[in-house]
Structure formats: structure tokens, C-alpha cells
Amino acid sequence: MDSRRIIITGRPGVGKTTLVMRVLEALERGGIATGGFYTKEIRRGVQRVGFSLTVIGGPSVTLASMDTPSKVRVGKYYLQQQLWES
């Protein structure tokens, strides 16, 4: 089986997640199996307050948040360390 990995990078707000969602939909319509994960921003009004992580075909969890302090911080976001400890 041919396996490929794609990483999409870009500045905030340019449409990376939108692109991923459209590509996933097209692949699924074509019967092509997909896997991996993507992140989406969590917003409160117009302010970004965190990020969720979604496993393709699986659950979504909060990856980072301004609202839930933890020992691990990246910029203004606290990483939800229980994700790494379980």
C-alpha cells in the first residue's frame, strides 16, 4: 500500500484547515482511506482562545487553551498536558 504524509503550513487565517477539510471530503468521496489529525482554532466571538485537535474518523479534544492553565505554555496558550500523560 502506498502511504503518503502531507503537512500544510501557513500564516494564521489563510485557510489551512479549510483546505484540509476539502481534501478529506474529496478523498472520502473517491473511496480513498485517510488518517491523521488536524487542528482548528477555538474562538470566543472574534478572539482566538485555543485550539482543538481532531483525529480523522475519531474524537476531538482541546489541545491548547488560554482559559485552562497548565505547566506547559506556548505563547499565550496552555497545552493540555493530560493529553500527553495518558
N, C-alpha and C. Protein backbone atom coordinates (compact mmCIF):
# COMPACT_ATOMS: atom_id res chain seq x y z
N MET A 1 0.84 -1.17 0.00
CA MET A 1 0.00 0.00 0.00
C MET A 1 0.89 1.24 0.00
N ASP A 2 0.56 2.21 -0.82
CA ASP A 2 1.29 3.46 -0.91
C ASP A 2 0.81 4.40 0.19
N SER A 3 1.72 4.85 1.02
CA SER A 3 1.38 5.73 2.14
C SER A 3 2.08 7.06 1.95
N ARG A 4 1.32 8.15 2.09
CA ARG A 4 1.90 9.48 1.94
C ARG A 4 1.55 10.33 3.15
N ARG A 5 2.43 11.24 3.45
CA ARG A 5 2.20 12.18 4.54
C ARG A 5 2.24 13.59 3.98
N ILE A 6 1.29 14.39 4.39
CA ILE A 6 1.22 15.77 3.91
C ILE A 6 1.17 16.68 5.13
N ILE A 7 2.01 17.69 5.14
CA ILE A 7 2.00 18.70 6.19
C ILE A 7 1.70 20.03 5.52
N ILE A 8 0.71 20.74 6.03
CA ILE A 8 0.33 22.03 5.46
C ILE A 8 0.69 23.10 6.47
N THR A 9 1.43 24.10 6.02
CA THR A 9 1.82 25.20 6.89
C THR A 9 1.38 26.52 6.27
N GLY A 10 1.33 27.53 7.08
CA GLY A 10 0.97 28.86 6.60
C GLY A 10 0.64 29.77 7.75
N ARG A 11 0.49 31.02 7.45
CA ARG A 11 0.17 32.03 8.47
C ARG A 11 -1.25 31.82 8.98
N PRO A 12 -1.54 32.33 10.17
CA PRO A 12 -2.89 32.20 10.72
C PRO A 12 -3.94 32.82 9.80
N GLY A 13 -5.05 32.10 9.66
CA GLY A 13 -6.19 32.63 8.93
C GLY A 13 -6.14 32.53 7.42
N VAL A 14 -5.17 31.79 6.86
CA VAL A 14 -5.07 31.72 5.40
C VAL A 14 -5.88 30.58 4.79
N GLY A 15 -6.44 29.69 5.63
CA GLY A 15 -7.30 28.63 5.11
C GLY A 15 -6.72 27.23 5.13
N LYS A 16 -5.74 26.99 5.98
CA LYS A 16 -5.13 25.66 6.05
C LYS A 16 -6.14 24.58 6.43
N THR A 17 -6.91 24.82 7.48
CA THR A 17 -7.90 23.83 7.92
C THR A 17 -9.00 23.66 6.89
N THR A 18 -9.43 24.74 6.28
CA THR A 18 -10.44 24.66 5.21
C THR A 18 -9.93 23.79 4.08
N LEU A 19 -8.68 23.96 3.68
CA LEU A 19 -8.09 23.13 2.64
C LEU A 19 -8.08 21.67 3.04
N VAL A 20 -7.65 21.38 4.27
CA VAL A 20 -7.60 20.00 4.75
C VAL A 20 -8.99 19.38 4.70
N MET A 21 -10.00 20.09 5.16
CA MET A 21 -11.37 19.55 5.18
C MET A 21 -11.85 19.25 3.75
N ARG A 22 -11.56 20.13 2.81
CA ARG A 22 -11.99 19.90 1.42
C ARG A 22 -11.26 18.72 0.80
N VAL A 23 -9.98 18.59 1.06
CA VAL A 23 -9.22 17.46 0.53
C VAL A 23 -9.73 16.16 1.14
N LEU A 24 -9.99 16.13 2.45
CA LEU A 24 -10.52 14.93 3.09
C LEU A 24 -11.85 14.51 2.48
N GLU A 25 -12.75 15.49 2.28
CA GLU A 25 -14.05 15.19 1.67
C GLU A 25 -13.88 14.59 0.28
N ALA A 26 -12.98 15.17 -0.52
CA ALA A 26 -12.77 14.67 -1.88
C ALA A 26 -12.18 13.25 -1.86
N LEU A 27 -11.23 13.00 -0.99
CA LEU A 27 -10.64 11.67 -0.90
C LEU A 27 -11.67 10.64 -0.45
N GLU A 28 -12.48 10.99 0.54
CA GLU A 28 -13.52 10.07 1.01
C GLU A 28 -14.54 9.77 -0.08
N ARG A 29 -14.93 10.79 -0.86
CA ARG A 29 -15.86 10.57 -1.98
C ARG A 29 -15.24 9.62 -3.00
N GLY A 30 -13.93 9.66 -3.14
CA GLY A 30 -13.23 8.79 -4.08
C GLY A 30 -12.89 7.42 -3.51
N GLY A 31 -13.33 7.17 -2.29
CA GLY A 31 -13.08 5.87 -1.68
C GLY A 31 -11.66 5.67 -1.19
N ILE A 32 -10.95 6.76 -1.00
CA ILE A 32 -9.56 6.67 -0.55
C ILE A 32 -9.51 6.82 0.96
N ALA A 33 -8.86 5.87 1.62
CA ALA A 33 -8.75 5.90 3.08
C ALA A 33 -7.81 7.02 3.52
N THR A 34 -8.18 7.67 4.60
CA THR A 34 -7.36 8.75 5.15
C THR A 34 -7.11 8.49 6.62
N GLY A 35 -6.15 9.17 7.15
CA GLY A 35 -5.84 9.06 8.57
C GLY A 35 -5.02 10.26 8.99
N GLY A 36 -4.85 10.41 10.28
CA GLY A 36 -4.07 11.52 10.79
C GLY A 36 -4.89 12.42 11.68
N PHE A 37 -4.51 13.68 11.72
CA PHE A 37 -5.22 14.64 12.57
C PHE A 37 -5.10 16.03 11.98
N TYR A 38 -5.94 16.92 12.48
CA TYR A 38 -5.85 18.33 12.13
C TYR A 38 -6.25 19.16 13.35
N THR A 39 -5.88 20.43 13.34
CA THR A 39 -6.25 21.32 14.42
C THR A 39 -7.17 22.41 13.89
N LYS A 40 -8.05 22.89 14.77
CA LYS A 40 -8.94 24.01 14.46
C LYS A 40 -8.85 25.00 15.60
N GLU A 41 -9.01 26.26 15.26
CA GLU A 41 -9.00 27.26 16.32
C GLU A 41 -10.32 27.26 17.07
N ILE A 42 -10.24 27.56 18.34
CA ILE A 42 -11.42 27.74 19.19
C ILE A 42 -11.58 29.24 19.38
N ARG A 43 -12.76 29.75 19.06
CA ARG A 43 -12.99 31.19 19.15
C ARG A 43 -14.08 31.52 20.16
N ARG A 44 -13.91 32.65 20.78
CA ARG A 44 -14.95 33.26 21.61
C ARG A 44 -15.19 34.62 20.98
N GLY A 45 -16.28 34.72 20.21
CA GLY A 45 -16.50 35.93 19.43
C GLY A 45 -15.45 36.01 18.34
N VAL A 46 -14.74 37.12 18.28
CA VAL A 46 -13.69 37.27 17.27
C VAL A 46 -12.31 36.89 17.79
N GLN A 47 -12.22 36.58 19.09
CA GLN A 47 -10.92 36.27 19.69
C GLN A 47 -10.63 34.77 19.66
N ARG A 48 -9.43 34.41 19.21
CA ARG A 48 -8.99 33.02 19.28
C ARG A 48 -8.54 32.75 20.71
N VAL A 49 -9.12 31.70 21.31
CA VAL A 49 -8.82 31.38 22.71
C VAL A 49 -8.18 30.00 22.88
N GLY A 50 -7.99 29.28 21.77
CA GLY A 50 -7.38 27.97 21.88
C GLY A 50 -7.43 27.20 20.58
N PHE A 51 -7.06 25.92 20.68
CA PHE A 51 -7.06 25.04 19.52
C PHE A 51 -7.59 23.67 19.92
N SER A 52 -8.37 23.08 19.03
CA SER A 52 -8.79 21.69 19.23
C SER A 52 -7.99 20.81 18.28
N LEU A 53 -7.83 19.56 18.65
CA LEU A 53 -7.16 18.58 17.81
C LEU A 53 -8.19 17.50 17.50
N THR A 54 -8.37 17.20 16.22
CA THR A 54 -9.32 16.19 15.79
C THR A 54 -8.58 15.06 15.10
N VAL A 55 -8.79 13.86 15.56
CA VAL A 55 -8.27 12.67 14.89
C VAL A 55 -9.24 12.34 13.78
N ILE A 56 -8.74 12.17 12.57
CA ILE A 56 -9.62 11.87 11.44
C ILE A 56 -10.35 10.57 11.71
N GLY A 57 -11.68 10.65 11.69
CA GLY A 57 -12.50 9.49 11.99
C GLY A 57 -12.62 9.20 13.48
N GLY A 58 -12.19 10.14 14.31
CA GLY A 58 -12.20 9.91 15.75
C GLY A 58 -12.62 11.14 16.52
N PRO A 59 -12.19 11.22 17.76
CA PRO A 59 -12.64 12.30 18.64
C PRO A 59 -11.89 13.61 18.43
N SER A 60 -12.48 14.67 18.98
CA SER A 60 -11.83 15.98 19.07
C SER A 60 -11.58 16.29 20.54
N VAL A 61 -10.44 16.88 20.82
CA VAL A 61 -10.10 17.28 22.19
C VAL A 61 -9.49 18.67 22.15
N THR A 62 -9.53 19.36 23.28
CA THR A 62 -8.87 20.65 23.38
C THR A 62 -7.37 20.41 23.51
N LEU A 63 -6.63 20.98 22.60
CA LEU A 63 -5.17 20.83 22.59
C LEU A 63 -4.50 21.93 23.41
N ALA A 64 -4.97 23.16 23.21
CA ALA A 64 -4.37 24.30 23.89
C ALA A 64 -5.46 25.33 24.15
N SER A 65 -5.31 26.04 25.27
CA SER A 65 -6.34 26.99 25.66
C SER A 65 -5.73 28.13 26.46
N MET A 66 -6.32 29.31 26.34
CA MET A 66 -5.93 30.43 27.18
C MET A 66 -6.59 30.32 28.55
N ASP A 67 -7.66 29.53 28.64
CA ASP A 67 -8.51 29.50 29.82
C ASP A 67 -8.15 28.45 30.85
N THR A 68 -7.35 27.45 30.50
CA THR A 68 -7.06 26.35 31.41
C THR A 68 -5.56 26.28 31.67
N PRO A 69 -5.09 26.98 32.70
CA PRO A 69 -3.64 27.00 32.97
C PRO A 69 -3.06 25.60 33.19
N SER A 70 -1.84 25.42 32.72
CA SER A 70 -1.09 24.18 32.94
C SER A 70 0.38 24.55 33.06
N LYS A 71 1.21 23.57 33.32
CA LYS A 71 2.65 23.80 33.47
C LYS A 71 3.32 24.10 32.14
N VAL A 72 2.69 23.68 31.04
CA VAL A 72 3.30 23.82 29.72
C VAL A 72 2.59 24.93 28.96
N ARG A 73 3.37 25.93 28.57
CA ARG A 73 2.79 27.08 27.89
C ARG A 73 3.57 27.36 26.61
N VAL A 74 2.83 27.66 25.53
CA VAL A 74 3.43 28.07 24.27
C VAL A 74 2.77 29.39 23.90
N GLY A 75 3.54 30.46 23.96
CA GLY A 75 2.96 31.78 23.74
C GLY A 75 1.89 32.06 24.79
N LYS A 76 0.71 32.44 24.36
CA LYS A 76 -0.37 32.74 25.30
C LYS A 76 -1.27 31.54 25.58
N TYR A 77 -0.93 30.38 25.03
CA TYR A 77 -1.76 29.19 25.18
C TYR A 77 -1.11 28.17 26.11
N TYR A 78 -1.95 27.56 26.93
CA TYR A 78 -1.51 26.48 27.81
C TYR A 78 -1.83 25.15 27.14
N LEU A 79 -0.84 24.28 27.01
CA LEU A 79 -1.08 22.95 26.45
C LEU A 79 -1.75 22.08 27.49
N GLN A 80 -2.68 21.29 27.05
CA GLN A 80 -3.42 20.42 27.96
C GLN A 80 -2.60 19.16 28.19
N GLN A 81 -1.77 19.19 29.21
CA GLN A 81 -0.76 18.15 29.42
C GLN A 81 -1.34 16.77 29.67
N GLN A 82 -2.59 16.65 30.09
CA GLN A 82 -3.17 15.32 30.29
C GLN A 82 -3.24 14.54 28.98
N LEU A 83 -3.23 15.23 27.85
CA LEU A 83 -3.21 14.54 26.55
C LEU A 83 -1.91 13.77 26.36
N TRP A 84 -0.83 14.28 26.89
CA TRP A 84 0.48 13.66 26.69
C TRP A 84 0.79 12.64 27.78
N GLU A 85 0.08 12.74 28.89
CA GLU A 85 0.37 11.86 30.02
C GLU A 85 -0.44 10.58 30.02
N SER A 86 -1.48 10.51 29.20
CA SER A 86 -2.34 9.30 29.22
C SER A 86 -1.91 8.29 28.19
